[in-house]
Amino acid sequence: MKAADAVGCGEWLLYSHGTAAAYAKKIDLTYDSSILFEEIANTIDGGSVASSTNLLGCDYAGGSLGAQVNTTAKAYSAKSYVAAGYKPAGILVKVVKA
């Protein structure tokens, strides 16, 4: 997510099905952000080591949470990622009733 494309803390639809929708929202406009889809999924359901820090625990109420990022993922140290100036931070994931 380019900070310049997120004027007013812009958000993008990630997925919508039935009565639910998931969005990514840029919350820090001082840098460009990029995270893996796996990080978004883990933020929603807790991943393979589910914890209480996920959106699934919000049940039918929906909610939002800062993206849960594994900063040691190899993608974040790739030359192209580093050269682009991205950070794996500054993204809020939210699930709402559509």
PDB file of N, CA and C in Angstrom:
ATOM      1  N   MET A   1       0.844  -1.166   0.000  1.00  0.00           N
ATOM      2  CA  MET A   1       0.000   0.000   0.000  1.00  0.00           C
ATOM      3  C   MET A   1       0.896   1.238   0.000  1.00  0.00           C
ATOM      4  N   LYS A   2       0.776   1.997  -1.023  1.00  0.00           N
ATOM      5  CA  LYS A   2       1.538   3.238  -1.113  1.00  0.00           C
ATOM      6  C   LYS A   2       0.842   4.295  -0.265  1.00  0.00           C
ATOM      7  N   ALA A   3       1.597   4.978   0.553  1.00  0.00           N
ATOM      8  CA  ALA A   3       1.031   6.022   1.405  1.00  0.00           C
ATOM      9  C   ALA A   3       0.328   7.088   0.560  1.00  0.00           C
ATOM     10  N   ALA A   4       0.885   7.396  -0.604  1.00  0.00           N
ATOM     11  CA  ALA A   4       0.289   8.418  -1.471  1.00  0.00           C
ATOM     12  C   ALA A   4      -1.087   8.002  -1.993  1.00  0.00           C
ATOM     13  N   ASP A   5      -1.358   6.696  -2.045  1.00  0.00           N
ATOM     14  CA  ASP A   5      -2.645   6.196  -2.533  1.00  0.00           C
ATOM     15  C   ASP A   5      -3.673   6.072  -1.410  1.00  0.00           C
ATOM     16  N   ALA A   6      -3.277   6.383  -0.187  1.00  0.00           N
ATOM     17  CA  ALA A   6      -4.143   6.162   0.968  1.00  0.00           C
ATOM     18  C   ALA A   6      -4.519   7.471   1.654  1.00  0.00           C
ATOM     19  N   VAL A   7      -4.755   8.499   0.880  1.00  0.00           N
ATOM     20  CA  VAL A   7      -5.129   9.785   1.454  1.00  0.00           C
ATOM     21  C   VAL A   7      -6.333   9.584   2.369  1.00  0.00           C
ATOM     22  N   GLY A   8      -6.256  10.147   3.556  1.00  0.00           N
ATOM     23  CA  GLY A   8      -7.353   9.987   4.513  1.00  0.00           C
ATOM     24  C   GLY A   8      -7.426   8.584   5.073  1.00  0.00           C
ATOM     25  N   CYS A   9      -6.286   7.914   5.149  1.00  0.00           N
ATOM     26  CA  CYS A   9      -6.235   6.532   5.664  1.00  0.00           C
ATOM     27  C   CYS A   9      -7.127   5.611   4.838  1.00  0.00           C
ATOM     28  N   GLY A  10      -6.904   5.593   3.540  1.00  0.00           N
ATOM     29  CA  GLY A  10      -7.696   4.799   2.614  1.00  0.00           C
ATOM     30  C   GLY A  10      -7.733   3.322   2.967  1.00  0.00           C
ATOM     31  N   GLU A  11      -8.744   2.662   2.443  1.00  0.00           N
ATOM     32  CA  GLU A  11      -8.872   1.226   2.680  1.00  0.00           C
ATOM     33  C   GLU A  11      -9.235   0.518   1.388  1.00  0.00           C
ATOM     34  N   TRP A  12      -8.873  -0.766   1.327  1.00  0.00           N
ATOM     35  CA  TRP A  12      -9.095  -1.579   0.146  1.00  0.00           C
ATOM     36  C   TRP A  12      -9.829  -2.845   0.535  1.00  0.00           C
ATOM     37  N   LEU A  13     -10.796  -3.228  -0.291  1.00  0.00           N
ATOM     38  CA  LEU A  13     -11.524  -4.475  -0.069  1.00  0.00           C
ATOM     39  C   LEU A  13     -10.591  -5.645  -0.350  1.00  0.00           C
ATOM     40  N   LEU A  14     -10.469  -6.542   0.621  1.00  0.00           N
ATOM     41  CA  LEU A  14      -9.656  -7.741   0.453  1.00  0.00           C
ATOM     42  C   LEU A  14     -10.499  -8.894  -0.054  1.00  0.00           C
ATOM     43  N   TYR A  15     -11.688  -9.040   0.538  1.00  0.00           N
ATOM     44  CA  TYR A  15     -12.549 -10.175   0.204  1.00  0.00           C
ATOM     45  C   TYR A  15     -13.944  -9.895   0.724  1.00  0.00           C
ATOM     46  N   SER A  16     -14.927 -10.360  -0.013  1.00  0.00           N
ATOM     47  CA  SER A  16     -16.313 -10.230   0.409  1.00  0.00           C
ATOM     48  C   SER A  16     -17.061 -11.499   0.038  1.00  0.00           C
ATOM     49  N   HIS A  17     -17.853 -11.981   0.969  1.00  0.00           N
ATOM     50  CA  HIS A  17     -18.661 -13.175   0.712  1.00  0.00           C
ATOM     51  C   HIS A  17     -19.899 -13.114   1.598  1.00  0.00           C
ATOM     52  N   GLY A  18     -21.047 -13.288   0.987  1.00  0.00           N
ATOM     53  CA  GLY A  18     -22.283 -13.245   1.770  1.00  0.00           C
ATOM     54  C   GLY A  18     -22.428 -11.921   2.492  1.00  0.00           C
ATOM     55  N   THR A  19     -22.528 -11.992   3.808  1.00  0.00           N
ATOM     56  CA  THR A  19     -22.763 -10.781   4.590  1.00  0.00           C
ATOM     57  C   THR A  19     -21.496 -10.249   5.273  1.00  0.00           C
ATOM     58  N   ALA A  20     -20.330 -10.757   4.898  1.00  0.00           N
ATOM     59  CA  ALA A  20     -19.086 -10.293   5.532  1.00  0.00           C
ATOM     60  C   ALA A  20     -18.106  -9.764   4.494  1.00  0.00           C
ATOM     61  N   ALA A  21     -17.322  -8.791   4.920  1.00  0.00           N
ATOM     62  CA  ALA A  21     -16.284  -8.241   4.054  1.00  0.00           C
ATOM     63  C   ALA A  21     -15.043  -7.975   4.899  1.00  0.00           C
ATOM     64  N   ALA A  22     -13.876  -8.166   4.292  1.00  0.00           N
ATOM     65  CA  ALA A  22     -12.605  -7.885   4.952  1.00  0.00           C
ATOM     66  C   ALA A  22     -11.908  -6.763   4.188  1.00  0.00           C
ATOM     67  N   TYR A  23     -11.379  -5.815   4.933  1.00  0.00           N
ATOM     68  CA  TYR A  23     -10.695  -4.667   4.354  1.00  0.00           C
ATOM     69  C   TYR A  23      -9.303  -4.519   4.955  1.00  0.00           C
ATOM     70  N   ALA A  24      -8.410  -3.925   4.182  1.00  0.00           N
ATOM     71  CA  ALA A  24      -7.106  -3.496   4.689  1.00  0.00           C
ATOM     72  C   ALA A  24      -7.139  -1.975   4.682  1.00  0.00           C
ATOM     73  N   LYS A  25      -6.699  -1.384   5.772  1.00  0.00           N
ATOM     74  CA  LYS A  25      -6.719   0.071   5.919  1.00  0.00           C
ATOM     75  C   LYS A  25      -5.313   0.554   6.246  1.00  0.00           C
ATOM     76  N   LYS A  26      -4.830   1.513   5.491  1.00  0.00           N
ATOM     77  CA  LYS A  26      -3.505   2.103   5.720  1.00  0.00           C
ATOM     78  C   LYS A  26      -3.627   3.095   6.861  1.00  0.00           C
ATOM     79  N   ILE A  27      -2.874   2.866   7.961  1.00  0.00           N
ATOM     80  CA  ILE A  27      -3.038   3.714   9.133  1.00  0.00           C
ATOM     81  C   ILE A  27      -1.812   4.571   9.460  1.00  0.00           C
ATOM     82  N   ASP A  28      -0.713   4.364   8.768  1.00  0.00           N
ATOM     83  CA  ASP A  28       0.468   5.214   8.977  1.00  0.00           C
ATOM     84  C   ASP A  28       0.923   5.705   7.612  1.00  0.00           C
ATOM     85  N   LEU A  29       0.705   6.968   7.361  1.00  0.00           N
ATOM     86  CA  LEU A  29       0.973   7.534   6.040  1.00  0.00           C
ATOM     87  C   LEU A  29       2.391   8.070   5.891  1.00  0.00           C
ATOM     88  N   THR A  30       3.278   7.731   6.824  1.00  0.00           N
ATOM     89  CA  THR A  30       4.655   8.217   6.737  1.00  0.00           C
ATOM     90  C   THR A  30       5.557   7.276   5.951  1.00  0.00           C
ATOM     91  N   TYR A  31       5.041   6.113   5.542  1.00  0.00           N
ATOM     92  CA  TYR A  31       5.833   5.162   4.757  1.00  0.00           C
ATOM     93  C   TYR A  31       4.895   4.250   3.967  1.00  0.00           C
ATOM     94  N   ASP A  32       5.452   3.536   2.988  1.00  0.00           N
ATOM     95  CA  ASP A  32       4.691   2.570   2.195  1.00  0.00           C
ATOM     96  C   ASP A  32       4.727   1.219   2.903  1.00  0.00           C
ATOM     97  N   SER A  33       3.620   0.506   2.843  1.00  0.00           N
ATOM     98  CA  SER A  33       3.494  -0.780   3.533  1.00  0.00           C
ATOM     99  C   SER A  33       3.241  -1.908   2.549  1.00  0.00           C
ATOM    100  N   SER A  34       3.708  -3.084   2.910  1.00  0.00           N
ATOM    101  CA  SER A  34       3.420  -4.281   2.132  1.00  0.00           C
ATOM    102  C   SER A  34       3.563  -5.487   3.055  1.00  0.00           C
ATOM    103  N   ILE A  35       2.509  -6.301   3.103  1.00  0.00           N
ATOM    104  CA  ILE A  35       2.546  -7.518   3.908  1.00  0.00           C
ATOM    105  C   ILE A  35       2.058  -8.689   3.070  1.00  0.00           C
ATOM    106  N   LEU A  36       2.345  -9.874   3.534  1.00  0.00           N
ATOM    107  CA  LEU A  36       1.927 -11.093   2.847  1.00  0.00           C
ATOM    108  C   LEU A  36       0.444 -11.366   3.094  1.00  0.00           C
ATOM    109  N   PHE A  37      -0.221 -12.016   2.135  1.00  0.00           N
ATOM    110  CA  PHE A  37      -1.605 -12.410   2.346  1.00  0.00           C
ATOM    111  C   PHE A  37      -1.713 -13.355   3.540  1.00  0.00           C
ATOM    112  N   GLU A  38      -0.672 -14.130   3.775  1.00  0.00           N
ATOM    113  CA  GLU A  38      -0.647 -15.020   4.932  1.00  0.00           C
ATOM    114  C   GLU A  38      -0.796 -14.225   6.239  1.00  0.00           C
ATOM    115  N   GLU A  39      -0.199 -13.045   6.286  1.00  0.00           N
ATOM    116  CA  GLU A  39      -0.288 -12.207   7.481  1.00  0.00           C
ATOM    117  C   GLU A  39      -1.726 -11.726   7.694  1.00  0.00           C
ATOM    118  N   ILE A  40      -2.399 -11.417   6.603  1.00  0.00           N
ATOM    119  CA  ILE A  40      -3.801 -10.994   6.697  1.00  0.00           C
ATOM    120  C   ILE A  40      -4.651 -12.151   7.212  1.00  0.00           C
ATOM    121  N   ALA A  41      -4.436 -13.333   6.648  1.00  0.00           N
ATOM    122  CA  ALA A  41      -5.184 -14.515   7.087  1.00  0.00           C
ATOM    123  C   ALA A  41      -4.920 -14.806   8.559  1.00  0.00           C
ATOM    124  N   ASN A  42      -3.659 -14.717   8.981  1.00  0.00           N
ATOM    125  CA  ASN A  42      -3.326 -14.976  10.383  1.00  0.00           C
ATOM    126  C   ASN A  42      -3.951 -13.939  11.314  1.00  0.00           C
ATOM    127  N   THR A  43      -4.090 -12.722  10.845  1.00  0.00           N
ATOM    128  CA  THR A  43      -4.737 -11.680  11.642  1.00  0.00           C
ATOM    129  C   THR A  43      -6.210 -12.005  11.833  1.00  0.00           C
ATOM    130  N   ILE A  44      -6.820 -12.585  10.819  1.00  0.00           N
ATOM    131  CA  ILE A  44      -8.235 -12.926  10.904  1.00  0.00           C
ATOM    132  C   ILE A  44      -8.466 -14.171  11.750  1.00  0.00           C
ATOM    133  N   ASP A  45      -7.680 -15.233  11.509  1.00  0.00           N
ATOM    134  CA  ASP A  45      -7.994 -16.501  12.198  1.00  0.00           C
ATOM    135  C   ASP A  45      -6.957 -16.993  13.195  1.00  0.00           C
ATOM    136  N   GLY A  46      -5.862 -16.285  13.351  1.00  0.00           N
ATOM    137  CA  GLY A  46      -4.851 -16.687  14.320  1.00  0.00           C
ATOM    138  C   GLY A  46      -3.777 -17.594  13.769  1.00  0.00           C
ATOM    139  N   GLY A  47      -3.925 -18.095  12.560  1.00  0.00           N
ATOM    140  CA  GLY A  47      -2.909 -18.951  11.954  1.00  0.00           C
ATOM    141  C   GLY A  47      -2.833 -20.329  12.564  1.00  0.00           C
ATOM    142  N   SER A  48      -1.726 -20.998  12.327  1.00  0.00           N
ATOM    143  CA  SER A  48      -1.568 -22.378  12.796  1.00  0.00           C
ATOM    144  C   SER A  48      -1.418 -22.464  14.307  1.00  0.00           C
ATOM    145  N   VAL A  49      -0.992 -21.375  14.920  1.00  0.00           N
ATOM    146  CA  VAL A  49      -0.893 -21.335  16.377  1.00  0.00           C
ATOM    147  C   VAL A  49      -1.882 -20.272  16.852  1.00  0.00           C
ATOM    148  N   ALA A  50      -3.158 -20.628  16.780  1.00  0.00           N
ATOM    149  CA  ALA A  50      -4.213 -19.669  17.105  1.00  0.00           C
ATOM    150  C   ALA A  50      -4.054 -19.128  18.524  1.00  0.00           C
ATOM    151  N   SER A  51      -4.243 -17.835  18.642  1.00  0.00           N
ATOM    152  CA  SER A  51      -4.176 -17.185  19.947  1.00  0.00           C
ATOM    153  C   SER A  51      -5.411 -16.296  20.081  1.00  0.00           C
ATOM    154  N   SER A  52      -5.481 -15.577  21.158  1.00  0.00           N
ATOM    155  CA  SER A  52      -6.619 -14.679  21.363  1.00  0.00           C
ATOM    156  C   SER A  52      -6.467 -13.399  20.554  1.00  0.00           C
ATOM    157  N   THR A  53      -5.312 -13.210  19.902  1.00  0.00           N
ATOM    158  CA  THR A  53      -5.067 -12.014  19.111  1.00  0.00           C
ATOM    159  C   THR A  53      -5.434 -12.270  17.661  1.00  0.00           C
ATOM    160  N   ASN A  54      -6.734 -12.318  17.390  1.00  0.00           N
ATOM    161  CA  ASN A  54      -7.223 -12.476  16.027  1.00  0.00           C
ATOM    162  C   ASN A  54      -8.639 -11.962  15.939  1.00  0.00           C
ATOM    163  N   LEU A  55      -9.107 -11.749  14.730  1.00  0.00           N
ATOM    164  CA  LEU A  55     -10.453 -11.210  14.531  1.00  0.00           C
ATOM    165  C   LEU A  55     -11.547 -12.263  14.623  1.00  0.00           C
ATOM    166  N   LEU A  56     -11.199 -13.517  14.485  1.00  0.00           N
ATOM    167  CA  LEU A  56     -12.198 -14.570  14.574  1.00  0.00           C
ATOM    168  C   LEU A  56     -12.869 -14.552  15.944  1.00  0.00           C
ATOM    169  N   GLY A  57     -12.123 -14.151  16.943  1.00  0.00           N
ATOM    170  CA  GLY A  57     -12.661 -14.070  18.298  1.00  0.00           C
ATOM    171  C   GLY A  57     -13.738 -13.011  18.462  1.00  0.00           C
ATOM    172  N   CYS A  58     -13.872 -12.115  17.497  1.00  0.00           N
ATOM    173  CA  CYS A  58     -14.898 -11.074  17.573  1.00  0.00           C
ATOM    174  C   CYS A  58     -16.275 -11.626  17.239  1.00  0.00           C
ATOM    175  N   ASP A  59     -16.317 -12.855  16.728  1.00  0.00           N
ATOM    176  CA  ASP A  59     -17.562 -13.538  16.396  1.00  0.00           C
ATOM    177  C   ASP A  59     -18.378 -12.693  15.421  1.00  0.00           C
ATOM    178  N   TYR A  60     -19.632 -12.468  15.695  1.00  0.00           N
ATOM    179  CA  TYR A  60     -20.523 -11.779  14.761  1.00  0.00           C
ATOM    180  C   TYR A  60     -20.407 -10.260  14.818  1.00  0.00           C
ATOM    181  N   ALA A  61     -19.644  -9.736  15.750  1.00  0.00           N
ATOM    182  CA  ALA A  61     -19.563  -8.294  15.924  1.00  0.00           C
ATOM    183  C   ALA A  61     -18.605  -7.630  14.937  1.00  0.00           C
ATOM    184  N   GLY A  62     -17.770  -8.417  14.262  1.00  0.00           N
ATOM    185  CA  GLY A  62     -16.758  -7.817  13.394  1.00  0.00           C
ATOM    186  C   GLY A  62     -15.689  -7.173  14.248  1.00  0.00           C
ATOM    187  N   GLY A  63     -14.819  -6.410  13.655  1.00  0.00           N
ATOM    188  CA  GLY A  63     -13.783  -5.737  14.424  1.00  0.00           C
ATOM    189  C   GLY A  63     -12.596  -5.397  13.554  1.00  0.00           C
ATOM    190  N   SER A  64     -11.570  -4.845  14.181  1.00  0.00           N
ATOM    191  CA  SER A  64     -10.354  -4.488  13.457  1.00  0.00           C
ATOM    192  C   SER A  64      -9.153  -4.757  14.354  1.00  0.00           C
ATOM    193  N   LEU A  65      -8.029  -4.990  13.698  1.00  0.00           N
ATOM    194  CA  LEU A  65      -6.811  -5.332  14.415  1.00  0.00           C
ATOM    195  C   LEU A  65      -5.619  -4.996  13.527  1.00  0.00           C
ATOM    196  N   GLY A  66      -4.575  -4.477  14.126  1.00  0.00           N
ATOM    197  CA  GLY A  66      -3.345  -4.255  13.376  1.00  0.00           C
ATOM    198  C   GLY A  66      -2.849  -5.574  12.825  1.00  0.00           C
ATOM    199  N   ALA A  67      -2.408  -5.576  11.582  1.00  0.00           N
ATOM    200  CA  ALA A  67      -1.957  -6.819  10.944  1.00  0.00           C
ATOM    201  C   ALA A  67      -0.892  -7.490  11.802  1.00  0.00           C
ATOM    202  N   GLN A  68      -1.074  -8.780  12.053  1.00  0.00           N
ATOM    203  CA  GLN A  68      -0.134  -9.581  12.826  1.00  0.00           C
ATOM    204  C   GLN A  68       0.938 -10.079  11.862  1.00  0.00           C
ATOM    205  N   VAL A  69       2.136  -9.546  11.984  1.00  0.00           N
ATOM    206  CA  VAL A  69       3.194  -9.765  11.000  1.00  0.00           C
ATOM    207  C   VAL A  69       4.348 -10.569  11.584  1.00  0.00           C
ATOM    208  N   ASN A  70       4.806 -11.542  10.812  1.00  0.00           N
ATOM    209  CA  ASN A  70       6.014 -12.289  11.150  1.00  0.00           C
ATOM    210  C   ASN A  70       7.175 -11.570  10.469  1.00  0.00           C
ATOM    211  N   THR A  71       7.833 -10.692  11.188  1.00  0.00           N
ATOM    212  CA  THR A  71       8.875  -9.858  10.586  1.00  0.00           C
ATOM    213  C   THR A  71      10.099 -10.650  10.145  1.00  0.00           C
ATOM    214  N   THR A  72      10.185 -11.928  10.521  1.00  0.00           N
ATOM    215  CA  THR A  72      11.322 -12.747  10.083  1.00  0.00           C
ATOM    216  C   THR A  72      11.028 -13.479   8.775  1.00  0.00           C
ATOM    217  N   ALA A  73       9.846 -13.275   8.195  1.00  0.00           N
ATOM    218  CA  ALA A  73       9.522 -13.902   6.909  1.00  0.00           C
ATOM    219  C   ALA A  73      10.530 -13.452   5.858  1.00  0.00           C
ATOM    220  N   LYS A  74      11.002 -14.394   5.054  1.00  0.00           N
ATOM    221  CA  LYS A  74      12.041 -14.098   4.057  1.00  0.00           C
ATOM    222  C   LYS A  74      11.629 -13.019   3.062  1.00  0.00           C
ATOM    223  N   ALA A  75      10.348 -12.912   2.789  1.00  0.00           N
ATOM    224  CA  ALA A  75       9.876 -11.921   1.825  1.00  0.00           C
ATOM    225  C   ALA A  75      10.266 -10.503   2.237  1.00  0.00           C
ATOM    226  N   TYR A  76      10.314 -10.245   3.532  1.00  0.00           N
ATOM    227  CA  TYR A  76      10.606  -8.900   4.009  1.00  0.00           C
ATOM    228  C   TYR A  76      12.084  -8.531   3.943  1.00  0.00           C
ATOM    229  N   SER A  77      12.940  -9.487   3.677  1.00  0.00           N
ATOM    230  CA  SER A  77      14.356  -9.180   3.503  1.00  0.00           C
ATOM    231  C   SER A  77      14.807  -9.350   2.049  1.00  0.00           C
ATOM    232  N   ALA A  78      13.856  -9.629   1.153  1.00  0.00           N
ATOM    233  CA  ALA A  78      14.178  -9.768  -0.269  1.00  0.00           C
ATOM    234  C   ALA A  78      14.676  -8.434  -0.824  1.00  0.00           C
ATOM    235  N   LYS A  79      15.614  -8.498  -1.747  1.00  0.00           N
ATOM    236  CA  LYS A  79      16.193  -7.278  -2.330  1.00  0.00           C
ATOM    237  C   LYS A  79      15.123  -6.355  -2.891  1.00  0.00           C
ATOM    238  N   SER A  80      14.160  -6.920  -3.609  1.00  0.00           N
ATOM    239  CA  SER A  80      13.125  -6.096  -4.240  1.00  0.00           C
ATOM    240  C   SER A  80      12.244  -5.407  -3.198  1.00  0.00           C
ATOM    241  N   TYR A  81      11.967  -6.070  -2.098  1.00  0.00           N
ATOM    242  CA  TYR A  81      11.152  -5.504  -1.025  1.00  0.00           C
ATOM    243  C   TYR A  81      11.901  -4.345  -0.361  1.00  0.00           C
ATOM    244  N   VAL A  82      13.136  -4.590  -0.005  1.00  0.00           N
ATOM    245  CA  VAL A  82      13.962  -3.576   0.654  1.00  0.00           C
ATOM    246  C   VAL A  82      14.174  -2.383  -0.280  1.00  0.00           C
ATOM    247  N   ALA A  83      14.467  -2.653  -1.559  1.00  0.00           N
ATOM    248  CA  ALA A  83      14.703  -1.582  -2.531  1.00  0.00           C
ATOM    249  C   ALA A  83      13.470  -0.709  -2.731  1.00  0.00           C
ATOM    250  N   ALA A  84      12.287  -1.301  -2.623  1.00  0.00           N
ATOM    251  CA  ALA A  84      11.050  -0.541  -2.799  1.00  0.00           C
ATOM    252  C   ALA A  84      10.758   0.355  -1.592  1.00  0.00           C
ATOM    253  N   GLY A  85      11.442   0.095  -0.471  1.00  0.00           N
ATOM    254  CA  GLY A  85      11.258   0.936   0.705  1.00  0.00           C
ATOM    255  C   GLY A  85      10.034   0.594   1.537  1.00  0.00           C
ATOM    256  N   TYR A  86       9.456  -0.583   1.319  1.00  0.00           N
ATOM    257  CA  TYR A  86       8.283  -0.987   2.083  1.00  0.00           C
ATOM    258  C   TYR A  86       8.635  -1.348   3.516  1.00  0.00           C
ATOM    259  N   LYS A  87       7.626  -1.283   4.381  1.00  0.00           N
ATOM    260  CA  LYS A  87       7.730  -1.783   5.757  1.00  0.00           C
ATOM    261  C   LYS A  87       6.558  -2.730   5.990  1.00  0.00           C
ATOM    262  N   PRO A  88       6.765  -3.813   6.742  1.00  0.00           N
ATOM    263  CA  PRO A  88       5.662  -4.730   7.035  1.00  0.00           C
ATOM    264  C   PRO A  88       4.864  -4.253   8.247  1.00  0.00           C
ATOM    265  N   ALA A  89       4.332  -3.064   8.150  1.00  0.00           N
ATOM    266  CA  ALA A  89       3.608  -2.444   9.265  1.00  0.00           C
ATOM    267  C   ALA A  89       2.664  -1.385   8.710  1.00  0.00           C
ATOM    268  N   GLY A  90       1.861  -0.812   9.600  1.00  0.00           N
ATOM    269  CA  GLY A  90       1.000   0.299   9.214  1.00  0.00           C
ATOM    270  C   GLY A  90      -0.283  -0.099   8.517  1.00  0.00           C
ATOM    271  N   ILE A  91      -0.685  -1.382   8.664  1.00  0.00           N
ATOM    272  CA  ILE A  91      -1.915  -1.851   8.026  1.00  0.00           C
ATOM    273  C   ILE A  91      -2.849  -2.429   9.087  1.00  0.00           C
ATOM    274  N   LEU A  92      -4.077  -1.991   9.048  1.00  0.00           N
ATOM    275  CA  LEU A  92      -5.127  -2.487   9.926  1.00  0.00           C
ATOM    276  C   LEU A  92      -6.019  -3.391   9.094  1.00  0.00           C
ATOM    277  N   VAL A  93      -6.369  -4.536   9.633  1.00  0.00           N
ATOM    278  CA  VAL A  93      -7.295  -5.446   8.956  1.00  0.00           C
ATOM    279  C   VAL A  93      -8.623  -5.349   9.691  1.00  0.00           C
ATOM    280  N   LYS A  94      -9.707  -5.201   8.950  1.00  0.00           N
ATOM    281  CA  LYS A  94     -11.001  -5.139   9.617  1.00  0.00           C
ATOM    282  C   LYS A  94     -12.013  -6.017   8.895  1.00  0.00           C
ATOM    283  N   VAL A  95     -12.904  -6.592   9.675  1.00  0.00           N
ATOM    284  CA  VAL A  95     -13.966  -7.436   9.154  1.00  0.00           C
ATOM    285  C   VAL A  95     -15.291  -6.784   9.563  1.00  0.00           C
ATOM    286  N   VAL A  96     -16.156  -6.596   8.587  1.00  0.00           N
ATOM    287  CA  VAL A  96     -17.427  -5.903   8.835  1.00  0.00           C
ATOM    288  C   VAL A  96     -18.580  -6.640   8.165  1.00  0.00           C
ATOM    289  N   LYS A  97     -19.763  -6.326   8.605  1.00  0.00           N
ATOM    290  CA  LYS A  97     -20.962  -6.837   7.958  1.00  0.00           C
ATOM    291  C   LYS A  97     -21.158  -6.064   6.662  1.00  0.00           C
ATOM    292  N   ALA A  98     -21.271  -6.798   5.566  1.00  0.00           N
ATOM    293  CA  ALA A  98     -21.377  -6.145   4.253  1.00  0.00           C
ATOM    294  C   ALA A  98     -22.786  -5.672   3.968  1.00  0.00           C
TER     295      ALA A  98
END
